[in-house]
């Protein structure tokens, strides 16, 4: 196992996975709140923000795949699905 200043890459990847779980799970209450408003118009949801956010998160997911970093690839893929559901709500109930 490759060493990096006394910390193994496995531990660093674990730290990334735990951090990813925290930031990804933070979207779950938002998705629930947004979809529980149905069919109230989503006027307060910013379409440009969610489009750009989804593009950025997908970019991070692909980046994670390319550098073989499961924590980056997996967590950003899941975050993308959650954020995309809010974007879909905005497009439907906009």
Protein backbone atom coordinates (compact mmCIF):
# COMPACT_ATOMS: atom_id res chain seq x y z
CA UNK A 1 0.00 0.00 0.00
CA UNK A 2 1.34 3.39 -1.01
CA UNK A 3 2.23 5.68 1.90
CA UNK A 4 1.57 9.41 1.89
CA UNK A 5 3.10 11.19 4.92
CA UNK A 6 2.28 8.25 7.19
CA UNK A 7 -1.32 7.92 6.07
CA UNK A 8 -2.23 5.11 3.69
CA UNK A 9 -4.18 5.75 0.52
CA UNK A 10 -6.85 3.38 1.86
CA UNK A 11 -7.45 5.66 4.84
CA UNK A 12 -7.59 8.69 2.58
CA UNK A 13 -10.16 6.96 0.36
CA UNK A 14 -12.19 6.04 3.46
CA UNK A 15 -12.11 9.67 4.57
CA UNK A 16 -13.34 10.67 1.10
CA UNK A 17 -16.15 8.12 1.26
CA UNK A 18 -17.31 9.30 4.71
CA UNK A 19 -17.17 12.93 3.56
CA UNK A 20 -19.07 12.03 0.40
CA UNK A 21 -21.75 10.26 2.40
CA UNK A 22 -22.19 13.38 4.54
CA UNK A 23 -22.49 15.80 1.64
CA UNK A 24 -24.63 13.46 -0.46
CA UNK A 25 -27.05 12.63 2.36
CA UNK A 26 -27.48 16.37 2.96
CA UNK A 27 -29.53 16.48 -0.26
CA UNK A 28 -32.07 13.89 0.93
CA UNK A 29 -34.10 16.26 3.15
CA UNK A 30 -34.11 18.86 0.35
CA UNK A 31 -35.39 16.35 -2.20
CA UNK A 32 -38.08 15.19 0.23
CA UNK A 33 -39.13 18.77 0.98
CA UNK A 34 -39.30 19.77 -2.68
CA UNK A 35 -41.27 16.72 -3.80
CA UNK A 36 -43.65 16.90 -0.82
CA UNK A 37 -44.72 20.36 -2.10
CA UNK A 38 -46.16 18.76 -5.24
CA UNK A 39 -47.97 20.28 -7.21
CA UNK A 40 -47.05 23.69 -5.78
CA UNK A 41 -45.12 25.69 -8.40
CA UNK A 42 -41.36 25.62 -7.90
CA UNK A 43 -40.87 29.35 -8.39
CA UNK A 44 -38.29 29.61 -5.59
CA UNK A 45 -36.02 26.93 -7.07
CA UNK A 46 -33.27 28.39 -9.25
CA UNK A 47 -33.16 26.64 -12.62
CA UNK A 48 -29.70 27.98 -13.60
CA UNK A 49 -28.26 26.93 -10.23
CA UNK A 50 -29.51 23.35 -10.50
CA UNK A 51 -28.46 23.03 -14.15
CA UNK A 52 -24.93 24.23 -13.33
CA UNK A 53 -24.79 22.18 -10.13
CA UNK A 54 -25.80 19.01 -11.98
CA UNK A 55 -23.21 19.63 -14.68
CA UNK A 56 -20.54 20.17 -12.03
CA UNK A 57 -21.47 17.08 -10.02
CA UNK A 58 -21.53 14.93 -13.17
CA UNK A 59 -18.12 16.34 -14.07
CA UNK A 60 -16.79 15.32 -10.65
CA UNK A 61 -18.29 11.84 -11.07
CA UNK A 62 -16.55 11.36 -14.42
CA UNK A 63 -13.34 12.77 -12.99
CA UNK A 64 -13.54 10.27 -10.12
CA UNK A 65 -13.97 7.45 -12.61
CA UNK A 66 -10.99 8.59 -14.66
CA UNK A 67 -8.63 8.80 -11.68
CA UNK A 68 -10.03 5.59 -10.15
CA UNK A 69 -11.31 7.29 -6.98
CA UNK A 70 -14.45 5.42 -5.93
CA UNK A 71 -15.37 7.96 -3.24
CA UNK A 72 -15.49 10.77 -5.79
CA UNK A 73 -17.19 8.75 -8.54
CA UNK A 74 -19.84 7.02 -6.43
CA UNK A 75 -20.84 9.88 -4.15
CA UNK A 76 -21.06 12.42 -6.96
CA UNK A 77 -23.11 10.00 -9.07
CA UNK A 78 -25.60 9.63 -6.21
CA UNK A 79 -25.62 13.39 -5.57
CA UNK A 80 -26.33 13.92 -9.26
CA UNK A 81 -29.40 11.67 -9.10
CA UNK A 82 -30.71 13.54 -6.04
CA UNK A 83 -30.05 16.99 -7.52
CA UNK A 84 -31.49 15.88 -10.86
CA UNK A 85 -34.74 14.95 -9.13
CA UNK A 86 -35.02 18.56 -7.91
CA UNK A 87 -34.26 19.80 -11.43
CA UNK A 88 -36.98 17.51 -12.81
CA UNK A 89 -39.44 18.90 -10.25
CA UNK A 90 -38.52 22.43 -11.35
CA UNK A 91 -39.08 21.52 -15.01
CA UNK A 92 -42.43 19.84 -14.31
CA UNK A 93 -43.87 22.28 -11.77
CA UNK A 94 -41.65 25.27 -12.64
